[in-house]
Every structure is written in C-alpha cells, then in structure tokens.
N, C-alpha and C. Protein backbone atom coordinates (compact mmCIF):
# COMPACT_ATOMS: atom_id res chain seq x y z
N MET A 1 116.50 39.10 130.48
CA MET A 1 115.83 39.87 130.34
C MET A 1 116.64 41.32 130.59
N ALA A 2 115.14 42.02 130.18
CA ALA A 2 114.92 43.37 129.62
C ALA A 2 115.47 44.20 130.42
N PRO A 3 116.80 45.45 130.69
CA PRO A 3 117.21 46.18 132.16
C PRO A 3 115.43 47.12 132.31
N ASN A 4 115.69 47.62 133.11
CA ASN A 4 114.95 48.20 133.68
C ASN A 4 114.85 49.64 133.05
N ILE A 5 114.56 50.39 132.48
CA ILE A 5 114.74 51.51 132.01
C ILE A 5 113.31 52.56 132.48
N PRO A 6 114.10 53.63 133.17
CA PRO A 6 112.37 54.71 134.30
C PRO A 6 111.85 55.25 132.52
N VAL A 7 110.97 55.51 133.19
CA VAL A 7 110.00 56.42 131.85
C VAL A 7 109.79 57.36 132.81
N PRO A 8 109.83 58.47 131.63
CA PRO A 8 109.99 59.86 132.56
C PRO A 8 108.05 60.55 132.56
N GLY A 9 108.13 60.61 133.03
CA GLY A 9 106.83 61.49 134.13
C GLY A 9 106.81 62.19 135.39
N PRO A 10 105.68 62.37 135.91
CA PRO A 10 105.35 62.96 136.74
C PRO A 10 106.25 63.13 138.46
N THR A 11 106.85 61.58 138.00
CA THR A 11 107.88 61.53 139.44
C THR A 11 109.13 61.68 138.68
N ASN A 12 109.39 61.43 137.47
CA ASN A 12 110.68 61.77 137.39
C ASN A 12 111.23 62.60 136.67
N GLY A 13 110.23 63.97 136.45
CA GLY A 13 110.51 65.45 135.92
C GLY A 13 110.01 65.13 134.82
N PRO A 14 110.69 66.93 133.99
CA PRO A 14 109.24 66.60 132.68
C PRO A 14 109.56 65.77 131.23
N GLN A 15 108.54 65.92 130.74
CA GLN A 15 108.65 64.55 129.34
C GLN A 15 109.19 65.46 128.79
N ARG A 16 110.13 64.87 127.96
CA ARG A 16 110.74 65.24 126.91
C ARG A 16 109.66 64.78 125.18
N ARG A 17 109.37 65.42 124.61
CA ARG A 17 108.91 65.44 123.27
C ARG A 17 109.59 64.80 122.28
N VAL A 18 109.14 64.49 121.51
CA VAL A 18 109.75 63.26 120.61
C VAL A 18 109.58 64.34 119.28
N PRO A 19 110.83 64.33 117.99
CA PRO A 19 110.87 65.16 117.83
C PRO A 19 109.84 64.58 116.22
N ASP A 20 108.68 65.39 115.88
CA ASP A 20 107.87 64.93 115.33
C ASP A 20 108.32 65.10 113.74
N VAL A 21 108.18 64.47 112.81
CA VAL A 21 108.97 64.38 111.48
C VAL A 21 108.28 65.55 110.87
N PHE A 22 106.71 65.74 111.28
CA PHE A 22 106.60 66.65 110.10
C PHE A 22 106.84 68.15 110.90
N ASP A 23 106.38 68.06 111.99
CA ASP A 23 106.77 69.38 112.58
C ASP A 23 108.26 69.48 111.91
N ALA A 24 109.20 68.70 111.72
CA ALA A 24 109.99 69.22 111.01
C ALA A 24 110.00 69.35 109.55
N LEU A 25 109.67 69.10 108.77
CA LEU A 25 110.09 69.61 107.75
C LEU A 25 108.91 70.65 106.89
N HIS A 26 107.47 70.48 108.28
CA HIS A 26 107.25 71.73 108.35
C HIS A 26 108.69 73.53 108.32
N GLY A 27 109.14 72.75 108.65
CA GLY A 27 110.30 74.02 109.56
C GLY A 27 111.26 74.49 108.47
N GLU A 28 111.28 73.01 107.64
CA GLU A 28 112.25 73.38 106.89
C GLU A 28 111.63 73.94 105.13
N MET A 29 110.87 74.25 105.12
CA MET A 29 109.59 74.18 103.97
C MET A 29 109.89 76.11 104.39
N ASP A 30 109.33 76.01 105.77
CA ASP A 30 109.56 77.72 105.93
C ASP A 30 110.95 78.18 105.82
N ARG A 31 111.70 77.70 106.28
CA ARG A 31 113.56 78.70 106.32
C ARG A 31 112.91 77.97 104.29
N LEU A 32 112.63 77.33 103.78
CA LEU A 32 113.30 77.32 102.06
C LEU A 32 112.19 78.48 101.36
N PHE A 33 111.05 78.86 102.40
CA PHE A 33 110.06 79.53 101.27
C PHE A 33 110.72 81.04 101.95
N ARG A 34 111.30 81.10 102.67
CA ARG A 34 111.96 82.59 103.12
C ARG A 34 113.23 83.02 102.62
N SER A 35 113.93 82.15 102.32
CA SER A 35 115.45 82.76 101.49
C SER A 35 115.56 82.47 100.23
N PHE A 36 114.41 81.47 100.04
CA PHE A 36 113.79 81.88 98.24
C PHE A 36 113.12 83.55 98.21
N GLU A 37 112.28 84.31 98.85
CA GLU A 37 111.47 85.62 99.01
C GLU A 37 112.69 86.16 99.15
N ARG A 38 113.58 86.09 100.03
CA ARG A 38 114.25 87.25 99.81
C ARG A 38 115.94 86.91 99.34
N ASN A 39 115.78 86.10 98.45
CA ASN A 39 116.78 86.16 97.27
C ASN A 39 116.14 87.13 95.30
N TRP A 40 115.00 86.98 95.46
CA TRP A 40 114.29 87.07 94.47
C TRP A 40 113.10 88.12 94.75
N PRO A 41 112.79 89.41 95.57
CA PRO A 41 112.21 90.15 95.19
C PRO A 41 111.67 90.16 94.77
N HIS A 42 112.08 90.31 93.45
CA HIS A 42 112.08 90.98 91.96
C HIS A 42 110.97 90.29 91.26
N TRP A 43 110.83 89.03 91.57
CA TRP A 43 109.98 88.81 90.63
C TRP A 43 108.42 88.52 90.85
N PRO A 44 107.19 89.64 89.94
CA PRO A 44 106.59 89.39 90.29
C PRO A 44 105.95 88.27 90.41
N GLY A 45 104.90 88.81 91.42
CA GLY A 45 103.86 87.27 92.36
C GLY A 45 104.87 86.83 93.25
N LEU A 46 106.56 87.08 93.40
CA LEU A 46 106.99 85.81 94.79
C LEU A 46 107.40 87.19 95.62
N ALA A 47 107.39 88.08 95.59
CA ALA A 47 107.53 88.94 96.43
C ALA A 47 106.79 88.53 97.41
N ARG A 48 107.10 88.97 98.77
CA ARG A 48 106.25 89.54 100.16
C ARG A 48 105.22 89.70 99.64
N GLY A 49 104.07 88.70 100.52
CA GLY A 49 102.55 89.34 99.84
C GLY A 49 102.25 88.05 98.69
N GLY A 50 102.58 87.59 97.83
CA GLY A 50 102.93 86.50 96.47
C GLY A 50 101.53 86.99 96.08
N ALA A 51 100.38 86.50 96.43
CA ALA A 51 99.34 86.54 95.12
C ALA A 51 98.53 88.21 95.34
N GLU A 52 99.34 88.71 96.69
CA GLU A 52 98.89 90.29 96.05
C GLU A 52 99.00 91.39 95.02
N THR A 53 100.20 90.27 94.12
CA THR A 53 100.90 91.13 93.41
C THR A 53 100.53 90.78 92.31
N THR A 54 99.85 89.90 92.12
CA THR A 54 98.93 89.32 90.89
C THR A 54 97.75 89.67 90.88
N LEU A 55 97.06 89.07 92.07
CA LEU A 55 95.99 89.58 92.01
C LEU A 55 95.48 91.55 91.48
N PRO A 56 94.43 91.58 91.06
CA PRO A 56 94.11 93.27 90.66
C PRO A 56 93.18 93.53 92.15
N SER A 57 93.55 94.88 92.25
CA SER A 57 92.92 95.77 93.96
C SER A 57 91.64 95.40 92.51
N LEU A 58 90.61 95.80 92.81
CA LEU A 58 89.03 95.43 92.32
C LEU A 58 88.42 97.22 93.99
N ASP A 59 87.45 97.53 92.99
CA ASP A 59 86.84 98.89 93.73
C ASP A 59 85.47 98.73 93.26
N VAL A 60 84.31 98.10 93.49
CA VAL A 60 82.93 98.00 93.72
C VAL A 60 81.97 99.57 94.30
N ARG A 61 81.93 99.76 93.52
CA ARG A 61 80.64 100.80 94.01
C ARG A 61 79.05 100.22 93.73
N GLU A 62 78.16 101.21 94.02
CA GLU A 62 76.87 101.34 93.53
C GLU A 62 75.91 102.21 93.74
N ASN A 63 74.88 102.75 93.20
CA ASN A 63 74.30 103.86 93.40
C ASN A 63 72.92 103.78 92.76
N ALA A 64 72.22 104.43 92.48
CA ALA A 64 70.82 104.37 92.27
C ALA A 64 70.77 103.25 90.79
N GLU A 65 71.49 104.03 89.50
CA GLU A 65 71.26 103.46 88.75
C GLU A 65 72.02 102.01 88.03
N ALA A 66 73.45 102.23 88.76
CA ALA A 66 74.41 101.03 88.33
C ALA A 66 75.55 101.20 89.44
N VAL A 67 75.81 99.77 89.36
CA VAL A 67 77.16 98.96 89.60
C VAL A 67 77.85 98.93 88.86
N THR A 68 79.08 99.55 89.38
CA THR A 68 80.08 99.96 88.90
C THR A 68 81.79 99.06 89.57
N VAL A 69 82.33 98.61 88.64
CA VAL A 69 83.48 97.95 89.21
C VAL A 69 84.57 98.15 88.18
N GLU A 70 85.80 98.69 89.06
CA GLU A 70 87.28 98.70 88.73
C GLU A 70 87.87 98.14 88.86
N ALA A 71 89.20 97.88 87.98
CA ALA A 71 90.62 96.66 88.71
C ALA A 71 90.99 97.66 87.81
N ASP A 72 92.28 97.70 88.73
CA ASP A 72 93.75 98.54 88.70
C ASP A 72 94.49 97.57 87.81
N LEU A 73 94.83 97.52 85.93
CA LEU A 73 95.64 96.56 86.20
C LEU A 73 96.71 97.22 84.78
N PRO A 74 97.31 97.96 85.61
CA PRO A 74 98.81 98.25 85.24
C PRO A 74 99.71 97.28 84.16
N GLY A 75 100.22 98.55 83.20
CA GLY A 75 101.11 97.37 82.26
C GLY A 75 99.93 96.67 81.73
N LEU A 76 98.66 96.38 81.29
CA LEU A 76 98.00 96.13 80.26
C LEU A 76 97.57 96.42 79.21
N ASP A 77 97.38 95.56 78.83
CA ASP A 77 96.28 96.42 77.00
C ASP A 77 94.82 95.59 77.44
N GLU A 78 93.89 96.41 76.56
CA GLU A 78 92.85 95.62 76.87
C GLU A 78 92.43 94.31 75.56
N LYS A 79 93.49 93.88 74.89
CA LYS A 79 93.72 92.56 74.36
C LYS A 79 93.93 91.77 75.27
N ASP A 80 94.78 92.19 76.85
CA ASP A 80 95.05 91.35 77.20
C ASP A 80 94.10 91.05 78.50
N VAL A 81 92.93 91.27 78.45
CA VAL A 81 91.66 91.29 79.47
C VAL A 81 90.42 90.68 79.11
N HIS A 82 89.48 89.62 79.91
CA HIS A 82 88.40 89.29 78.98
C HIS A 82 87.51 89.73 80.37
N VAL A 83 86.27 90.18 79.87
CA VAL A 83 85.42 90.41 80.94
C VAL A 83 83.98 89.51 80.48
N THR A 84 83.83 88.49 81.16
CA THR A 84 82.40 87.32 81.13
C THR A 84 80.87 87.77 82.79
N LEU A 85 80.42 87.75 82.70
CA LEU A 85 78.67 87.50 83.30
C LEU A 85 78.10 86.25 82.86
N LEU A 86 78.47 85.89 83.23
CA LEU A 86 77.66 83.95 84.04
C LEU A 86 77.01 83.69 84.96
N ASP A 87 75.73 83.87 84.91
CA ASP A 87 74.98 83.62 85.81
C ASP A 87 75.23 84.45 87.07
N GLY A 88 74.80 85.93 86.48
CA GLY A 88 75.07 86.34 87.73
C GLY A 88 75.93 87.34 88.59
N VAL A 89 77.21 86.46 87.83
CA VAL A 89 78.76 87.09 88.66
C VAL A 89 79.83 87.61 87.01
N LEU A 90 80.51 88.74 87.47
CA LEU A 90 81.28 89.08 86.59
C LEU A 90 81.65 88.61 87.06
N THR A 91 83.14 88.00 86.31
CA THR A 91 84.68 87.67 85.89
C THR A 91 85.05 88.24 85.35
N ILE A 92 86.84 89.14 85.61
CA ILE A 92 87.44 89.89 85.35
C ILE A 92 88.76 88.99 85.12
N LYS A 93 89.10 88.61 83.91
CA LYS A 93 90.37 87.63 83.42
C LYS A 93 91.85 88.44 82.85
N GLY A 94 92.50 88.11 83.21
CA GLY A 94 93.78 88.76 82.34
C GLY A 94 95.51 87.81 82.50
N GLU A 95 96.07 88.31 81.87
CA GLU A 95 97.86 87.30 82.27
C GLU A 95 98.48 88.88 81.73
N ARG A 96 99.81 88.69 82.53
CA ARG A 96 100.31 89.04 82.68
C ARG A 96 101.90 88.36 82.00
N LYS A 97 102.38 89.45 81.01
CA LYS A 97 103.47 88.54 80.56
C LYS A 97 104.38 89.91 80.76
N SER A 98 105.50 89.72 80.78
CA SER A 98 106.27 91.09 81.27
C SER A 98 107.87 90.26 80.52
N GLU A 99 109.29 91.00 79.54
CA GLU A 99 110.16 90.60 79.42
C GLU A 99 111.26 91.74 78.85
N ARG A 100 112.52 90.87 79.85
CA ARG A 100 113.60 92.50 80.09
C ARG A 100 114.96 91.87 79.51
N GLU A 101 114.94 92.47 78.70
CA GLU A 101 116.87 92.07 78.11
C GLU A 101 117.61 93.39 78.18
N GLU A 102 118.66 93.31 78.47
CA GLU A 102 119.86 94.09 78.89
C GLU A 102 121.22 93.35 78.48
N LYS A 103 121.77 94.34 77.49
CA LYS A 103 123.19 94.24 77.11
C LYS A 103 124.34 94.53 77.62
N ASN A 104 125.26 94.63 77.61
CA ASN A 104 126.43 94.57 78.21
C ASN A 104 127.92 93.89 77.98
N GLU A 105 128.83 94.82 77.36
CA GLU A 105 130.03 94.07 76.96
C GLU A 105 130.52 92.96 78.49
N SER A 106 130.23 92.64 79.42
CA SER A 106 130.98 92.16 80.40
C SER A 106 129.52 90.81 80.37
N TYR A 107 128.21 91.57 80.46
CA TYR A 107 127.13 90.56 80.69
C TYR A 107 125.81 90.56 79.81
N HIS A 108 125.18 89.24 79.76
CA HIS A 108 124.31 89.67 79.23
C HIS A 108 122.57 88.57 80.56
N VAL A 109 121.72 89.75 80.62
CA VAL A 109 120.32 89.80 81.17
C VAL A 109 118.95 89.30 80.59
N SER A 110 118.38 88.38 80.26
CA SER A 110 117.00 88.17 80.18
C SER A 110 116.21 87.56 81.01
N GLU A 111 115.03 88.43 81.20
CA GLU A 111 114.15 88.08 81.98
C GLU A 111 112.50 88.04 81.47
N ARG A 112 112.13 87.25 81.63
CA ARG A 112 110.38 86.94 81.30
C ARG A 112 110.01 86.32 82.49
N SER A 113 108.30 86.83 82.64
CA SER A 113 108.16 86.98 84.45
C SER A 113 105.97 86.85 83.40
N PHE A 114 105.50 85.81 83.87
CA PHE A 114 104.29 85.83 83.75
C PHE A 114 103.28 84.81 84.53
N GLY A 115 102.00 85.46 84.16
CA GLY A 115 100.81 85.24 85.34
C GLY A 115 99.63 85.60 85.05
N SER A 116 98.93 84.28 85.39
CA SER A 116 97.14 84.54 84.95
C SER A 116 96.58 85.20 86.34
N PHE A 117 95.04 85.98 85.97
CA PHE A 117 94.88 85.45 87.41
C PHE A 117 93.00 86.06 87.02
N ALA A 118 92.23 85.68 87.92
CA ALA A 118 90.72 85.98 87.52
C ALA A 118 90.34 86.56 88.41
N ARG A 119 89.44 87.45 88.73
CA ARG A 119 88.72 88.13 90.26
C ARG A 119 87.00 88.00 89.31
N SER A 120 86.06 87.50 90.81
CA SER A 120 84.40 87.33 90.09
C SER A 120 84.32 88.53 91.02
N VAL A 121 83.11 89.10 90.72
CA VAL A 121 82.04 89.24 92.05
C VAL A 121 80.61 89.44 91.50
N ARG A 122 79.71 88.89 92.37
CA ARG A 122 78.39 88.45 92.43
C ARG A 122 77.65 90.07 92.13
N LEU A 123 77.23 90.26 90.92
CA LEU A 123 75.93 91.17 91.50
C LEU A 123 74.86 90.82 91.54
N PRO A 124 74.31 92.27 91.48
CA PRO A 124 72.33 92.23 92.15
C PRO A 124 71.78 91.80 91.23
N ASP A 125 70.95 91.91 91.74
CA ASP A 125 69.43 90.55 90.86
C ASP A 125 68.40 91.79 90.00
N SER A 126 69.15 93.58 90.46
CA SER A 126 68.61 94.56 89.98
C SER A 126 69.48 95.33 88.82
N VAL A 127 70.54 94.12 88.43
CA VAL A 127 71.61 94.72 86.95
C VAL A 127 71.24 94.05 86.15
N ASP A 128 70.58 94.78 84.89
CA ASP A 128 69.92 94.58 83.81
C ASP A 128 71.67 94.08 82.81
N GLU A 129 71.25 92.67 82.77
CA GLU A 129 71.97 91.80 82.18
C GLU A 129 72.72 92.45 80.89
N ASN A 130 71.62 93.37 79.85
CA ASN A 130 71.75 93.68 78.25
C ASN A 130 72.73 94.84 78.20
N ARG A 131 72.50 95.49 79.63
CA ARG A 131 73.55 96.98 79.58
C ARG A 131 74.75 97.09 80.02
N ILE A 132 75.32 96.37 80.42
CA ILE A 132 77.00 96.44 81.05
C ILE A 132 78.07 95.85 80.11
N GLU A 133 78.66 97.41 80.14
CA GLU A 133 79.58 98.47 79.11
C GLU A 133 81.50 98.10 80.21
N ALA A 134 81.72 97.78 79.31
CA ALA A 134 83.82 97.91 79.91
C ALA A 134 84.39 98.60 79.18
N ARG A 135 85.37 99.26 80.04
CA ARG A 135 86.28 100.44 79.11
C ARG A 135 87.11 100.36 80.21
N PHE A 136 88.25 100.08 79.09
CA PHE A 136 89.88 100.08 79.46
C PHE A 136 90.56 101.12 79.01
N ASP A 137 91.29 102.27 80.23
CA ASP A 137 91.66 103.41 79.85
C ASP A 137 92.69 103.32 81.00
N LYS A 138 94.95 103.20 80.36
CA LYS A 138 95.63 104.16 80.72
C LYS A 138 95.55 103.09 82.58
N GLY A 139 95.34 101.73 82.29
CA GLY A 139 95.77 100.46 83.39
C GLY A 139 94.51 100.28 83.87
N VAL A 140 93.77 100.81 83.61
CA VAL A 140 91.88 100.63 84.21
C VAL A 140 90.90 100.69 83.87
N LEU A 141 90.48 98.80 83.93
CA LEU A 141 89.18 98.42 83.90
C LEU A 141 88.04 99.48 84.55
N LYS A 142 87.23 99.76 83.11
CA LYS A 142 86.16 100.14 84.15
C LYS A 142 84.73 99.64 83.83
N VAL A 143 84.17 98.50 84.26
CA VAL A 143 82.49 98.27 83.94
C VAL A 143 81.61 98.90 84.91
N VAL A 144 80.46 99.17 84.10
CA VAL A 144 78.65 99.72 84.81
C VAL A 144 78.14 98.92 83.96
N ALA A 145 77.50 98.34 85.28
CA ALA A 145 75.73 98.09 85.35
C ALA A 145 74.79 98.43 85.51
N ALA A 146 74.22 98.78 84.44
CA ALA A 146 73.39 99.17 84.37
C ALA A 146 72.17 98.67 85.16
N LYS A 147 71.34 99.65 85.65
CA LYS A 147 70.25 98.70 86.97
C LYS A 147 68.80 99.25 86.06
N LYS A 148 68.48 97.54 85.87
CA LYS A 148 66.82 97.57 85.62
C LYS A 148 65.76 98.66 85.92
N ALA A 149 65.20 99.10 85.05
CA ALA A 149 64.08 100.39 84.97
C ALA A 149 63.27 100.30 86.02
N GLU A 150 63.16 99.11 86.59
CA GLU A 150 61.94 98.92 87.23
C GLU A 150 62.61 99.18 88.53
N ALA A 151 63.94 98.54 88.86
CA ALA A 151 64.44 98.41 90.15
C ALA A 151 64.78 99.97 90.42
N VAL A 152 65.32 100.68 89.36
CA VAL A 152 65.12 102.21 90.10
C VAL A 152 64.21 102.52 90.58
N ALA A 153 63.21 102.94 89.91
CA ALA A 153 61.58 103.58 90.17
C ALA A 153 61.43 103.04 91.01
N SER A 154 61.47 101.97 91.95
CA SER A 154 60.89 100.86 92.60
C SER A 154 61.76 101.32 93.92
N GLU A 155 63.17 101.89 94.56
CA GLU A 155 63.48 102.13 95.20
C GLU A 155 62.82 103.35 96.17
N LYS A 156 63.06 103.25 97.54
CA LYS A 156 62.31 104.95 98.06
C LYS A 156 62.54 105.10 99.31
N LYS A 157 63.29 106.26 99.44
CA LYS A 157 63.80 106.32 100.59
C LYS A 157 63.34 106.24 101.75
N ILE A 158 63.33 105.75 102.56
CA ILE A 158 62.67 105.85 104.04
C ILE A 158 63.13 106.51 104.69
N GLU A 159 62.50 107.55 105.71
CA GLU A 159 62.91 108.57 106.69
C GLU A 159 63.19 108.20 107.69
N VAL A 160 64.43 108.08 108.46
CA VAL A 160 65.30 108.04 110.00
C VAL A 160 64.91 108.46 110.73
N LYS A 161 64.33 107.98 111.54
CA LYS A 161 63.47 109.50 112.93
C LYS A 161 64.25 109.45 114.16
N LYS A 162 63.89 110.10 115.00
CA LYS A 162 64.81 109.99 116.13
C LYS A 162 63.53 109.19 117.49
N ALA A 163 64.02 108.34 117.97
CA ALA A 163 62.45 107.96 118.92
C ALA A 163 62.27 107.93 119.83
C-alpha cells in the first residue's frame, strides 16, 4: 500500500508551482539574447532595437499636387536601391553591405556585415501611376508621385464655422 502523502492545498499552506519547461527555456533564450546584444553592439541590425537599425525611416507627405515619400538610406548608392509600384503599393528595397579591414603588426581585423530591407507604402487612388519620379541624393531617396489632374481640380476647401 502507498504511503499517505499530504497534497498542498488551502488547508496545508500555499501551493508551490511546478517549474515549467517552457518558462525555463524562455528565460534561457532571453539570457542568451541579452548576452549576445551586450557583447556585439557594433553589428548592424543586432544592436539594441534590432530591426530599427536595418529598416530605413520614411517620411510621407501629401499636398494638393503630389504624395512625397523620403527614405533615409545612409551609406547606400542608387544602384543598391530598387523602387517598384504594384497595385497602388510603393515598395522600396535595398541591400546594405559593409566591409572593414584593419591590419597592424600584432593583429588583423576583417569584418563584413550585410542585410536587406523592404518598406512599402500604399498610395492613394488619386496618384497618377505614370507620373512617379525617384531621385537619390546624399543618402536620401525622394519619390514624388504626382496626383491625377482630376483629383487636383476636384479638391474643394470647406470652411469650418463656429457653431
């Protein structure tokens, strides 16, 4: 016959939580990534913030004549950037490549980093898909999408009055 073992419960004191294997795994993964982040902060895309260092920031502005999208792409050339329009969605793609080599009497360092990115913006129906221009200057991509003539002409300002 098995011995009588008390089961923790409201009358026998607080219940203890049995360690969960998945909690332990989650904690170990967090510790591993914190350690990696702390030891390799100079790697693009792996510093605190992760994808923020890989994805370019975008500024999107609209006025009566056009929609303008600007992307900060420091360190890239125009040949590394691809701009497409499909079904009203403007997509900016590119690839960052970086190499560094340093030689000295006592050491030799060679580092390479790379990463691709893609950002997409849905353009309004008022944009004329045949009148879109992209220019790249000093690390900034500027895409100007002109609006259709009927969209520009049909815009009417409505006066707001005090009630």
